[in-house]
C-alpha cells in the first residue's frame, strides 16, 4: 500500500495510491488509520472502498466511521458516489450531514 502525506492548512492528509479495495471492514479502517502516520485526514478514491460500505444496512459504514471517530481522524471519500446515493435516501442524508460538519 503506497501512501504519502500532503500538507494542507494546519493538518495533513494521507492519500493512498494504487488499486484495489482498502476499506471493506472496521479492521481495514484501523489499519489505514495506523498507516496514516499521524495525519488528520485520510483521503480515498471511492474505488478503494468496498461497495458494501455504501449499503448502510450492512453496518460497515457505521463501524468504519466509528473507527475514525475513535482515532479522532476524518475520512474523505473522493469521487462520484451518486450510483449509491441515488438508491438510498439514508446514505444521501449521511453524506449531506457529513459535508456540513467542520
Protein backbone atom coordinates (compact mmCIF):
# COMPACT_ATOMS: atom_id res chain seq x y z
CA UNK A 1 0.00 0.00 0.00
CA UNK A 2 1.62 3.26 -1.08
CA UNK A 3 0.81 6.37 0.90
CA UNK A 4 2.00 9.92 1.06
CA UNK A 5 1.04 12.82 3.27
CA UNK A 6 0.02 16.13 1.78
CA UNK A 7 0.30 19.30 3.83
CA UNK A 8 -2.90 21.30 3.68
CA UNK A 9 -3.53 24.17 6.03
CA UNK A 10 -2.84 23.17 9.62
CA UNK A 11 -3.21 19.44 9.06
CA UNK A 12 -2.03 16.59 6.92
CA UNK A 13 -3.96 14.43 4.54
CA UNK A 14 -2.83 10.85 3.94
CA UNK A 15 -3.53 9.80 0.37
CA UNK A 16 -3.28 6.16 -0.65
CA UNK A 17 -2.24 5.25 -4.18
CA UNK A 18 -2.56 2.03 -6.07
CA UNK A 19 -5.55 -0.08 -6.92
CA UNK A 20 -7.95 -2.34 -5.11
CA UNK A 21 -10.19 -2.16 -2.08
CA UNK A 22 -8.61 -0.68 1.05
CA UNK A 23 -11.67 -0.46 3.27
CA UNK A 24 -14.04 -3.40 3.50
CA UNK A 25 -14.48 -3.53 7.28
CA UNK A 26 -13.57 -1.81 10.56
CA UNK A 27 -10.27 -3.69 10.78
CA UNK A 28 -9.24 -2.28 7.42
CA UNK A 29 -10.14 1.20 8.65
CA UNK A 30 -7.95 0.73 11.73
CA UNK A 31 -5.04 -0.46 9.57
CA UNK A 32 -5.46 2.52 7.26
CA UNK A 33 -5.56 4.95 10.17
CA UNK A 34 -2.39 3.45 11.65
CA UNK A 35 -0.67 3.59 8.25
CA UNK A 36 -1.56 7.28 8.00
CA UNK A 37 1.25 8.14 10.41
CA UNK A 38 -0.41 10.95 12.31
CA UNK A 39 -2.31 12.65 9.50
CA UNK A 40 -5.57 14.40 10.41
CA UNK A 41 -7.41 13.13 7.32
CA UNK A 42 -7.45 10.02 5.16
CA UNK A 43 -8.45 10.63 1.54
CA UNK A 44 -9.54 7.70 -0.61
CA UNK A 45 -10.97 7.43 -4.07
CA UNK A 46 -14.38 5.79 -3.94
CA UNK A 47 -12.99 2.85 -5.94
CA UNK A 48 -10.84 1.96 -2.89
CA UNK A 49 -13.95 1.48 -0.70
CA UNK A 50 -15.95 -1.76 -0.82
CA UNK A 51 -19.40 -1.29 -2.38
CA UNK A 52 -20.96 -2.83 0.76
CA UNK A 53 -19.77 0.25 2.69
CA UNK A 54 -22.34 2.32 0.80
CA UNK A 55 -25.16 -0.09 1.76
CA UNK A 56 -25.95 1.24 5.23
CA UNK A 57 -27.86 -1.93 6.11
CA UNK A 58 -24.54 -3.83 6.04
CA UNK A 59 -23.30 -1.87 9.07
CA UNK A 60 -19.84 -1.46 7.54
CA UNK A 61 -20.08 2.32 7.15
CA UNK A 62 -21.09 2.74 10.79
CA UNK A 63 -18.24 0.53 12.01
CA UNK A 64 -15.67 2.25 9.77
CA UNK A 65 -16.81 5.76 10.62
CA UNK A 66 -16.77 4.90 14.33
CA UNK A 67 -13.11 3.88 14.00
CA UNK A 68 -12.32 7.30 12.53
CA UNK A 69 -14.18 9.00 15.36
CA UNK A 70 -12.35 6.89 17.95
CA UNK A 71 -8.97 7.83 16.47
CA UNK A 72 -10.04 11.47 16.06
CA UNK A 73 -9.45 11.41 12.33
CA UNK A 74 -11.55 12.35 9.35
CA UNK A 75 -12.27 10.36 6.20
CA UNK A 76 -12.78 11.88 2.77
CA UNK A 77 -14.16 9.65 0.03
CA UNK A 78 -13.39 11.28 -3.29
CA UNK A 79 -15.30 10.66 -6.48
CA UNK A 80 -18.79 10.17 -7.78
CA UNK A 81 -20.89 8.06 -5.41
CA UNK A 82 -24.20 9.03 -6.98
CA UNK A 83 -24.85 5.42 -8.06
CA UNK A 84 -25.13 4.65 -4.34
CA UNK A 85 -26.86 7.82 -3.11
CA UNK A 86 -29.45 7.63 -5.90
CA UNK A 87 -30.63 4.32 -4.39
CA UNK A 88 -30.55 5.28 -0.72
CA UNK A 89 -32.16 8.28 0.96
CA UNK A 90 -30.39 7.29 4.19
CA UNK A 91 -26.98 7.37 2.54
CA UNK A 92 -27.84 10.66 0.86
CA UNK A 93 -28.73 12.09 4.29
CA UNK A 94 -25.50 10.76 5.82
CA UNK A 95 -23.43 12.39 3.07
CA UNK A 96 -25.31 15.66 3.43
CA UNK A 97 -24.82 15.67 7.22
CA UNK A 98 -21.14 14.75 6.90
CA UNK A 99 -20.50 17.60 4.46
CA UNK A 100 -21.99 20.15 6.82
CA UNK A 101 -19.58 19.36 9.67
CA UNK A 102 -16.32 21.28 10.04
